[in-house]
Amino acid sequence: MFVAIAVVATGALSGAQEKSPAPASPAPSAYPKLASIEEYLMPDREAEIALARSAAPASITKDASVLVLTRKGYETAVEGKNGFVCLVDRGWQAPFDDPEFGNPKVRAPTCLNPQAARSVLPMQHRRTELALSGASKDEIKSKLNSAVDKKEFPAPEIGAMSYMMSKQQFLADRFGHWHPHLMFYLPTGAVKASDWGANLPKSPVMGGDEQRSDGRREPLLVFIVPVSHWSDDTAAPPMEKHEH
């Protein structure tokens, strides 16, 4: 769902592929259970603040709010004034079918714009709350499904997006740092991935899965657009041909 999507959408980072008519079977999980809370926490608070700020150019993050993860969830470490919110996502923001959902090594700096902070971040907070409570992935999925069905979360606002341009990001064992990119969030059903030309040969736009292996639709549609430079303005490696 997110790279907090998460994620926040590591399920979509494997590159542009033809869309199959039926949802694919989930890959075998390399992390069948969530790890202990300690493995997800960063003991150095200042290091986590700096990592969160690396998600976007300093012109954005210098006035952004910054959240850090604690045993009780995310708390505000820096009060911002431009409406952006930066934080470091953990693996549980990935799609539920992602085999690295519980990977404790995932550190995904994300900076959400004001629209996403208001309308996407609440669902990310709920995922975090459930993960830290000791719930299993299946329990998190069940409770999130119930909350979505009850319309407990707002739909993504028009213009909701986030920056994921940190050179230090670690998105998954199979992706590593991957590429700097922008993420755009839309309500499921508002458009289709094909409306953006996503997942087509040589298209720079990637679209997250619209349907999960359990037959349910994802509550958000995520579009991913790789960019050429990291947040510190250094050039990123070119995309490999098979990733286009």
Protein backbone atom coordinates (compact mmCIF):
# COMPACT_ATOMS: atom_id res chain seq x y z
CA MET A 1 0.00 0.00 0.00
CA PHE A 2 2.66 2.44 1.00
CA VAL A 3 6.39 2.68 0.91
CA ALA A 4 5.16 4.18 3.64
CA ILE A 5 3.74 3.41 1.82
CA ALA A 6 5.29 2.83 3.04
CA VAL A 7 5.03 2.40 1.60
CA VAL A 8 5.39 2.08 1.69
CA ALA A 9 4.64 0.23 -1.80
CA THR A 10 7.46 -2.21 -2.04
CA GLY A 11 5.14 -4.61 -3.79
CA ALA A 12 5.24 -2.29 -6.80
CA LEU A 13 8.95 -1.62 -6.93
CA SER A 14 9.90 -4.65 -9.00
CA GLY A 15 9.31 -2.66 -12.17
CA ALA A 16 6.69 -2.21 -14.83
CA GLN A 17 4.94 -5.45 -15.67
CA GLU A 18 1.89 -6.45 -17.65
CA LYS A 19 -1.21 -6.62 -15.46
CA SER A 20 -2.65 -10.11 -15.06
CA PRO A 21 -6.44 -10.42 -14.89
CA ALA A 22 -6.35 -12.28 -11.58
CA PRO A 23 -4.40 -11.37 -8.43
CA ALA A 24 -1.12 -13.21 -8.09
CA SER A 25 -0.45 -15.63 -5.28
CA PRO A 26 1.58 -14.04 -2.49
CA ALA A 27 5.27 -14.86 -2.46
CA PRO A 28 6.56 -17.06 0.37
CA SER A 29 7.33 -14.84 3.33
CA ALA A 30 10.95 -14.39 4.32
CA TYR A 31 9.67 -12.86 7.56
CA PRO A 32 6.57 -14.86 8.59
CA LYS A 33 6.35 -13.07 11.94
CA LEU A 34 6.98 -9.54 13.09
CA ALA A 35 10.17 -9.16 15.10
CA SER A 36 10.43 -7.78 18.63
CA ILE A 37 9.73 -4.08 19.03
CA GLU A 38 13.39 -3.41 19.86
CA GLU A 39 14.46 -4.45 16.37
CA TYR A 40 12.27 -1.79 14.78
CA LEU A 41 13.30 1.06 17.06
CA MET A 42 16.24 3.36 16.39
CA PRO A 43 18.04 4.04 19.70
CA ASP A 44 19.54 7.31 18.44
CA ARG A 45 16.68 9.81 18.27
CA GLU A 46 18.73 12.44 16.44
CA ALA A 47 19.80 9.87 13.87
CA GLU A 48 16.15 9.01 13.19
CA ILE A 49 15.28 12.69 12.81
CA ALA A 50 18.12 13.15 10.33
CA LEU A 51 17.11 10.02 8.41
CA ALA A 52 13.49 11.18 8.21
CA ARG A 53 14.61 14.57 6.89
CA SER A 54 16.70 12.89 4.18
CA ALA A 55 13.46 11.84 2.44
CA ALA A 56 13.15 15.15 0.59
CA PRO A 57 15.26 18.19 -0.32
CA ALA A 58 16.24 20.39 2.61
CA SER A 59 14.13 23.23 1.18
CA ILE A 60 11.11 21.12 2.15
CA THR A 61 12.26 19.27 5.25
CA LYS A 62 13.79 22.21 7.10
CA ASP A 63 10.28 23.45 7.96
CA ALA A 64 8.57 20.05 8.15
CA SER A 65 7.33 18.25 11.24
CA VAL A 66 9.36 15.15 12.07
CA LEU A 67 8.03 12.02 13.76
CA VAL A 68 10.09 9.31 15.49
CA LEU A 69 8.99 5.80 16.39
CA THR A 70 8.62 4.90 20.08
CA ARG A 71 7.23 1.85 21.83
CA LYS A 72 3.84 3.57 21.87
CA GLY A 73 3.88 4.67 18.24
CA TYR A 74 5.12 7.72 16.39
CA GLU A 75 5.54 10.93 18.34
CA THR A 76 6.39 14.43 17.16
CA ALA A 77 10.08 15.19 17.66
CA VAL A 78 10.08 18.44 15.65
CA GLU A 79 7.13 20.79 15.18
CA GLY A 80 7.07 22.07 11.60
CA LYS A 81 5.36 24.98 9.95
CA ASN A 82 4.90 24.08 6.27
CA GLY A 83 2.43 21.20 6.68
CA PHE A 84 4.83 18.47 5.55
CA VAL A 85 5.43 15.50 7.86
CA CYS A 86 8.58 13.38 7.63
CA LEU A 87 9.10 10.00 9.27
CA VAL A 88 10.88 6.69 8.77
CA ASP A 89 8.46 3.95 7.75
CA ARG A 90 8.98 0.34 8.82
CA GLY A 91 8.23 -2.85 6.93
CA TRP A 92 4.64 -3.17 8.16
CA GLN A 93 3.61 -0.33 5.84
CA ALA A 94 4.19 -2.64 2.86
CA PRO A 95 1.33 -4.45 1.08
CA PHE A 96 0.12 -7.45 3.06
CA ASP A 97 1.23 -9.78 0.27
CA ASP A 98 4.79 -8.48 0.48
CA PRO A 99 7.14 -11.27 1.69
CA GLU A 100 9.17 -8.72 3.69
CA PHE A 101 6.23 -7.21 5.58
CA GLY A 102 7.95 -8.03 8.90
CA ASN A 103 11.53 -7.23 7.87
CA PRO A 104 12.99 -5.31 10.84
CA LYS A 105 15.80 -3.89 8.69
CA VAL A 106 13.46 -1.76 6.57
CA ARG A 107 14.03 1.97 7.03
CA ALA A 108 12.02 3.97 4.51
CA PRO A 109 12.30 7.75 5.03
CA THR A 110 9.14 9.40 3.76
CA CYS A 111 8.03 13.01 3.69
CA LEU A 112 4.30 13.50 3.13
CA ASN A 113 2.87 16.73 1.81
CA PRO A 114 0.06 18.43 3.78
CA GLN A 115 -2.70 16.62 1.86
CA ALA A 116 -1.13 13.20 2.47
CA ALA A 117 -0.36 14.05 6.10
CA ARG A 118 -4.05 14.69 6.67
CA SER A 119 -5.52 11.84 4.66
CA VAL A 120 -2.94 9.04 4.29
CA LEU A 121 -0.96 9.23 7.52
CA PRO A 122 -3.93 8.20 9.74
CA MET A 123 -3.98 4.73 8.17
CA GLN A 124 -0.20 4.46 8.57
CA HIS A 125 -0.54 5.33 12.23
CA ARG A 126 -3.18 2.61 12.69
CA ARG A 127 -0.90 0.01 11.10
CA THR A 128 1.90 1.06 13.43
CA GLU A 129 -0.34 0.95 16.47
CA LEU A 130 -1.43 -2.60 15.62
CA ALA A 131 2.12 -3.78 14.84
CA LEU A 132 3.44 -2.46 18.13
CA SER A 133 0.56 -4.07 20.03
CA GLY A 134 1.92 -7.50 19.15
CA ALA A 135 -0.73 -8.28 16.54
CA SER A 136 0.21 -10.73 13.79
CA LYS A 137 0.16 -9.75 10.12
CA ASP A 138 -3.15 -11.57 9.68
CA GLU A 139 -4.62 -9.76 12.67
CA ILE A 140 -3.39 -6.40 11.37
CA LYS A 141 -4.91 -7.15 7.97
CA SER A 142 -8.23 -8.21 9.50
CA LYS A 143 -8.50 -5.12 11.68
CA LEU A 144 -7.47 -2.80 8.86
CA ASN A 145 -10.04 -4.43 6.57
CA SER A 146 -12.71 -3.86 9.21
CA ALA A 147 -11.69 -0.22 9.69
CA VAL A 148 -11.74 0.37 5.93
CA ASP A 149 -15.18 -1.23 5.63
CA LYS A 150 -16.44 1.08 8.38
CA LYS A 151 -14.93 4.07 6.55
CA GLU A 152 -12.83 5.04 9.55
CA PHE A 153 -10.16 6.58 7.32
CA PRO A 154 -10.53 9.56 5.01
CA ALA A 155 -10.02 9.17 1.27
CA PRO A 156 -6.74 10.59 -0.04
CA GLU A 157 -7.10 14.29 -0.69
CA ILE A 158 -6.55 15.71 -4.14
CA GLY A 159 -2.81 16.23 -4.54
CA ALA A 160 -1.76 13.78 -1.80
CA MET A 161 1.83 12.67 -2.41
CA SER A 162 5.11 11.96 -0.67
CA TYR A 163 8.85 12.15 -1.29
CA MET A 164 11.07 9.08 -0.93
CA MET A 165 14.41 10.40 -2.12
CA SER A 166 16.75 9.34 0.68
CA LYS A 167 20.12 7.92 -0.32
CA GLN A 168 20.07 6.05 3.01
CA GLN A 169 16.72 4.35 2.48
CA PHE A 170 16.55 0.56 2.78
CA LEU A 171 13.27 -0.64 1.33
CA ALA A 172 13.73 -4.42 1.41
CA ASP A 173 16.38 -7.10 1.14
CA ARG A 174 15.52 -7.57 -2.53
CA PHE A 175 15.45 -3.85 -3.35
CA GLY A 176 18.09 -2.29 -1.10
CA HIS A 177 18.17 1.45 -1.64
CA TRP A 178 16.32 1.12 -4.99
CA HIS A 179 15.78 4.59 -6.58
CA PRO A 180 14.67 8.00 -5.35
CA HIS A 181 11.01 8.42 -6.20
CA LEU A 182 7.78 10.27 -5.63
CA MET A 183 4.53 8.61 -4.60
CA PHE A 184 1.02 9.81 -5.46
CA TYR A 185 -2.07 8.54 -3.63
CA LEU A 186 -5.58 8.25 -5.06
CA PRO A 187 -8.76 6.57 -3.85
CA THR A 188 -9.20 3.08 -5.21
CA GLY A 189 -11.72 3.18 -8.02
CA ALA A 190 -11.08 6.83 -8.89
CA VAL A 191 -8.73 5.90 -11.72
CA LYS A 192 -6.94 2.83 -13.00
CA ALA A 193 -3.19 2.33 -13.28
CA SER A 194 -3.58 2.41 -17.06
CA ASP A 195 -5.01 5.95 -16.84
CA TRP A 196 -1.53 7.08 -15.88
CA GLY A 197 0.14 4.82 -18.39
CA ALA A 198 1.55 2.95 -15.40
CA ASN A 199 3.30 -0.42 -15.72
CA LEU A 200 3.58 -0.13 -19.50
CA PRO A 201 6.85 -0.77 -21.38
CA LYS A 202 9.25 2.18 -21.06
CA SER A 203 6.75 4.17 -19.00
CA PRO A 204 8.38 5.97 -16.04
CA VAL A 205 5.24 5.48 -13.93
CA MET A 206 4.62 2.41 -11.80
CA GLY A 207 1.32 1.54 -10.21
CA GLY A 208 0.77 -0.46 -7.06
CA ASP A 209 -1.50 -3.49 -7.09
CA GLU A 210 -5.18 -2.57 -7.28
CA GLN A 211 -6.27 -5.95 -5.95
CA ARG A 212 -4.75 -8.25 -3.33
CA SER A 213 -4.36 -12.00 -3.46
CA ASP A 214 -7.31 -12.35 -1.05
CA GLY A 215 -9.58 -10.70 -3.62
CA ARG A 216 -9.99 -7.40 -1.77
CA ARG A 217 -9.13 -4.10 -3.42
CA GLU A 218 -6.38 -2.01 -1.90
CA PRO A 219 -7.92 1.01 -0.13
CA LEU A 220 -5.45 3.32 -1.86
CA LEU A 221 -4.05 3.35 -5.37
CA VAL A 222 -0.38 4.31 -5.34
CA PHE A 223 1.56 5.67 -8.32
CA ILE A 224 5.36 5.69 -8.14
CA VAL A 225 7.50 7.97 -10.27
CA PRO A 226 11.30 7.47 -10.04
CA VAL A 227 13.42 10.62 -10.23
CA SER A 228 17.02 11.15 -11.27
CA HIS A 229 18.55 12.59 -8.10
CA TRP A 230 18.65 11.83 -4.39
CA SER A 231 17.44 14.44 -1.93
CA ASP A 232 20.99 15.79 -1.52
CA ASP A 233 21.00 16.53 -5.28
CA THR A 234 23.54 13.84 -6.14
CA ALA A 235 22.74 11.72 -9.21
CA ALA A 236 21.10 8.37 -8.67
CA PRO A 237 22.14 5.28 -10.65
CA PRO A 238 20.18 4.89 -13.89
CA MET A 239 17.24 2.53 -13.90
CA GLU A 240 18.00 -0.93 -15.23
CA LYS A 241 16.23 -1.84 -18.47
CA HIS A 242 14.16 -4.57 -16.82
CA GLU A 243 12.82 -2.02 -14.34
CA HIS A 244 11.14 0.12 -17.00
